[in-house]
Structures are given as C-alpha cells and as structure tokens.
Amino acid sequence: SFFLVQKEDKWELVATTSRSPESYIQIPGAIAWKLFCKNLTPELVMDKIKIKGNVFLGRKVLEMVAVMA
C-alpha cells in the first residue's frame, strides 16, 4: 500500500499517513506495472481495478507513468 499525499504545491508518494484517503484504488500487481509503464491502458483493465471514494482522483492515478530500471 502507498499513499499519494498533496504537500503544498506538489504530490508525494509515502508508505504511511495519518490523513484519511479521499480515494482508494486497488490495482493487482500484475496489472499495475504494465499500466504505469503504458503497456496497458486504463480502459482495458477497468474491470479489474477498484476505485472507492473520489472516482475523479482515482482515475487520475491510473494516468501515472513509471520508469523501471
């Protein structure tokens, strides 16, 4: 589990937080890395992803890009 927390004018990925999440996203690991490396699109895997709370914020997370080395 990770939390994306807004701090002033930037976002930070943290392992713990005392704040209550506005949106909760559950993505299977086998899908997450492909999604964030742009090998899959959110539209192709929406039936395997759970978003609770603020759906707008949850869908924004699906647009993230990660570089793995």
N, C-alpha and C. Protein backbone atom coordinates (compact mmCIF):
# COMPACT_ATOMS: atom_id res chain seq x y z
N SER A 1 0.84 -1.19 0.00
CA SER A 1 0.00 0.00 0.00
C SER A 1 0.87 1.24 0.00
N PHE A 2 0.43 2.21 -0.77
CA PHE A 2 1.10 3.50 -0.82
C PHE A 2 0.05 4.59 -0.79
N PHE A 3 0.46 5.78 -0.39
CA PHE A 3 -0.42 6.93 -0.33
C PHE A 3 0.20 8.06 -1.14
N LEU A 4 -0.62 8.72 -1.94
CA LEU A 4 -0.19 9.89 -2.70
C LEU A 4 -0.76 11.08 -1.96
N VAL A 5 0.12 11.87 -1.34
CA VAL A 5 -0.29 12.96 -0.45
C VAL A 5 0.11 14.29 -1.06
N GLN A 6 -0.84 15.25 -1.06
CA GLN A 6 -0.52 16.58 -1.56
C GLN A 6 0.11 17.38 -0.43
N LYS A 7 1.30 17.90 -0.70
CA LYS A 7 2.02 18.73 0.26
C LYS A 7 2.36 20.04 -0.44
N GLU A 8 1.70 21.10 0.03
CA GLU A 8 1.83 22.43 -0.58
C GLU A 8 1.50 22.34 -2.07
N ASP A 9 2.47 22.57 -2.95
CA ASP A 9 2.19 22.59 -4.39
C ASP A 9 2.69 21.35 -5.12
N LYS A 10 2.96 20.25 -4.39
CA LYS A 10 3.46 19.04 -5.04
C LYS A 10 2.80 17.81 -4.42
N TRP A 11 2.96 16.68 -5.10
CA TRP A 11 2.45 15.40 -4.63
C TRP A 11 3.63 14.53 -4.20
N GLU A 12 3.43 13.76 -3.14
CA GLU A 12 4.49 12.89 -2.62
C GLU A 12 3.93 11.50 -2.38
N LEU A 13 4.66 10.48 -2.81
CA LEU A 13 4.29 9.08 -2.59
C LEU A 13 4.91 8.63 -1.27
N VAL A 14 4.06 8.20 -0.32
CA VAL A 14 4.55 7.82 1.01
C VAL A 14 3.97 6.46 1.40
N ALA A 15 4.63 5.81 2.35
CA ALA A 15 4.19 4.48 2.81
C ALA A 15 3.14 4.58 3.90
N THR A 16 3.14 5.67 4.66
CA THR A 16 2.16 5.85 5.75
C THR A 16 1.70 7.29 5.78
N THR A 17 0.51 7.48 6.33
CA THR A 17 -0.02 8.83 6.52
C THR A 17 -1.07 8.78 7.61
N SER A 18 -1.24 9.89 8.29
CA SER A 18 -2.28 9.98 9.32
C SER A 18 -3.59 10.51 8.74
N ARG A 19 -3.54 10.96 7.49
CA ARG A 19 -4.73 11.52 6.85
C ARG A 19 -5.63 10.40 6.31
N SER A 20 -6.91 10.66 6.28
CA SER A 20 -7.87 9.71 5.70
C SER A 20 -7.85 9.88 4.18
N PRO A 21 -7.82 8.78 3.43
CA PRO A 21 -7.78 8.88 1.98
C PRO A 21 -9.09 9.42 1.41
N GLU A 22 -8.99 10.27 0.38
CA GLU A 22 -10.17 10.75 -0.33
C GLU A 22 -10.59 9.74 -1.39
N SER A 23 -9.62 8.96 -1.84
CA SER A 23 -9.89 7.96 -2.86
C SER A 23 -9.06 6.73 -2.55
N TYR A 24 -9.63 5.56 -2.80
CA TYR A 24 -8.96 4.29 -2.56
C TYR A 24 -8.94 3.53 -3.87
N ILE A 25 -7.75 3.15 -4.31
CA ILE A 25 -7.60 2.44 -5.58
C ILE A 25 -6.92 1.11 -5.32
N GLN A 26 -7.49 0.04 -5.81
CA GLN A 26 -6.89 -1.29 -5.69
C GLN A 26 -6.59 -1.81 -7.09
N ILE A 27 -5.29 -2.02 -7.37
CA ILE A 27 -4.85 -2.50 -8.68
C ILE A 27 -4.00 -3.74 -8.46
N PRO A 28 -4.34 -4.87 -9.06
CA PRO A 28 -3.49 -6.06 -8.93
C PRO A 28 -2.06 -5.76 -9.42
N GLY A 29 -1.07 -6.28 -8.72
CA GLY A 29 0.33 -6.03 -9.06
C GLY A 29 0.69 -6.39 -10.49
N ALA A 30 0.15 -7.48 -10.99
CA ALA A 30 0.46 -7.91 -12.35
C ALA A 30 -0.05 -6.92 -13.39
N ILE A 31 -1.06 -6.14 -13.01
CA ILE A 31 -1.60 -5.13 -13.91
C ILE A 31 -0.92 -3.79 -13.69
N ALA A 32 -0.64 -3.45 -12.44
CA ALA A 32 -0.12 -2.12 -12.10
C ALA A 32 1.16 -1.77 -12.87
N TRP A 33 2.12 -2.67 -12.89
CA TRP A 33 3.38 -2.32 -13.55
C TRP A 33 3.18 -2.13 -15.05
N LYS A 34 2.31 -2.92 -15.66
CA LYS A 34 2.04 -2.76 -17.09
C LYS A 34 1.28 -1.46 -17.36
N LEU A 35 0.38 -1.12 -16.47
CA LEU A 35 -0.39 0.10 -16.60
C LEU A 35 0.50 1.33 -16.48
N PHE A 36 1.38 1.35 -15.48
CA PHE A 36 2.23 2.51 -15.24
C PHE A 36 3.40 2.61 -16.20
N CYS A 37 3.70 1.54 -16.91
CA CYS A 37 4.72 1.58 -17.98
C CYS A 37 4.07 1.80 -19.35
N LYS A 38 2.76 1.99 -19.35
CA LYS A 38 1.99 2.27 -20.56
C LYS A 38 1.90 1.08 -21.52
N ASN A 39 2.05 -0.14 -20.99
CA ASN A 39 1.82 -1.34 -21.80
C ASN A 39 0.34 -1.69 -21.86
N LEU A 40 -0.44 -1.14 -20.91
CA LEU A 40 -1.89 -1.30 -20.88
C LEU A 40 -2.52 0.07 -20.70
N THR A 41 -3.75 0.21 -21.16
CA THR A 41 -4.49 1.46 -20.93
C THR A 41 -5.51 1.23 -19.83
N PRO A 42 -5.89 2.30 -19.11
CA PRO A 42 -6.90 2.14 -18.06
C PRO A 42 -8.19 1.52 -18.59
N GLU A 43 -8.58 1.87 -19.79
CA GLU A 43 -9.82 1.35 -20.37
C GLU A 43 -9.80 -0.18 -20.50
N LEU A 44 -8.64 -0.74 -20.78
CA LEU A 44 -8.53 -2.19 -20.95
C LEU A 44 -8.63 -2.97 -19.64
N VAL A 45 -8.33 -2.32 -18.52
CA VAL A 45 -8.26 -3.04 -17.24
C VAL A 45 -9.23 -2.51 -16.17
N MET A 46 -10.13 -1.60 -16.53
CA MET A 46 -11.04 -1.02 -15.54
C MET A 46 -11.87 -2.07 -14.82
N ASP A 47 -12.17 -3.18 -15.47
CA ASP A 47 -12.97 -4.22 -14.83
C ASP A 47 -12.18 -4.99 -13.76
N LYS A 48 -10.86 -4.77 -13.69
CA LYS A 48 -10.01 -5.45 -12.70
C LYS A 48 -9.52 -4.49 -11.61
N ILE A 49 -9.90 -3.21 -11.73
CA ILE A 49 -9.46 -2.17 -10.80
C ILE A 49 -10.65 -1.72 -9.96
N LYS A 50 -10.42 -1.49 -8.66
CA LYS A 50 -11.48 -1.00 -7.78
C LYS A 50 -11.14 0.43 -7.35
N ILE A 51 -12.10 1.33 -7.50
CA ILE A 51 -11.94 2.71 -7.04
C ILE A 51 -13.10 3.02 -6.11
N LYS A 52 -12.78 3.48 -4.90
CA LYS A 52 -13.80 3.88 -3.93
C LYS A 52 -13.52 5.33 -3.52
N GLY A 53 -14.56 6.03 -3.15
CA GLY A 53 -14.40 7.43 -2.75
C GLY A 53 -14.41 8.32 -3.98
N ASN A 54 -13.48 9.27 -4.04
CA ASN A 54 -13.41 10.24 -5.13
C ASN A 54 -12.92 9.55 -6.40
N VAL A 55 -13.84 9.23 -7.30
CA VAL A 55 -13.52 8.50 -8.52
C VAL A 55 -12.65 9.34 -9.45
N PHE A 56 -12.86 10.66 -9.48
CA PHE A 56 -12.04 11.53 -10.32
C PHE A 56 -10.56 11.41 -9.94
N LEU A 57 -10.26 11.50 -8.65
CA LEU A 57 -8.87 11.34 -8.20
C LEU A 57 -8.34 9.94 -8.49
N GLY A 58 -9.16 8.94 -8.27
CA GLY A 58 -8.75 7.56 -8.52
C GLY A 58 -8.38 7.34 -9.97
N ARG A 59 -9.14 7.89 -10.88
CA ARG A 59 -8.83 7.73 -12.31
C ARG A 59 -7.56 8.49 -12.68
N LYS A 60 -7.27 9.58 -11.99
CA LYS A 60 -6.04 10.33 -12.26
C LYS A 60 -4.80 9.48 -11.94
N VAL A 61 -4.88 8.68 -10.90
CA VAL A 61 -3.77 7.80 -10.53
C VAL A 61 -3.46 6.83 -11.66
N LEU A 62 -4.48 6.42 -12.39
CA LEU A 62 -4.29 5.47 -13.49
C LEU A 62 -3.51 6.09 -14.65
N GLU A 63 -3.33 7.41 -14.65
CA GLU A 63 -2.57 8.09 -15.69
C GLU A 63 -1.08 8.22 -15.36
N MET A 64 -0.68 7.76 -14.18
CA MET A 64 0.73 7.89 -13.78
C MET A 64 1.63 7.15 -14.74
N VAL A 65 2.88 7.60 -14.82
CA VAL A 65 3.90 6.95 -15.63
C VAL A 65 5.06 6.59 -14.71
N ALA A 66 5.55 5.38 -14.81
CA ALA A 66 6.69 4.94 -14.01
C ALA A 66 7.79 4.44 -14.95
N VAL A 67 9.02 4.71 -14.56
CA VAL A 67 10.17 4.20 -15.30
C VAL A 67 10.85 3.17 -14.41
N MET A 68 10.98 1.97 -14.93
CA MET A 68 11.61 0.89 -14.15
C MET A 68 12.95 0.55 -14.78
N ALA A 69 13.93 0.46 -13.92
CA ALA A 69 15.28 0.16 -14.41
C ALA A 69 15.74 -1.17 -13.88
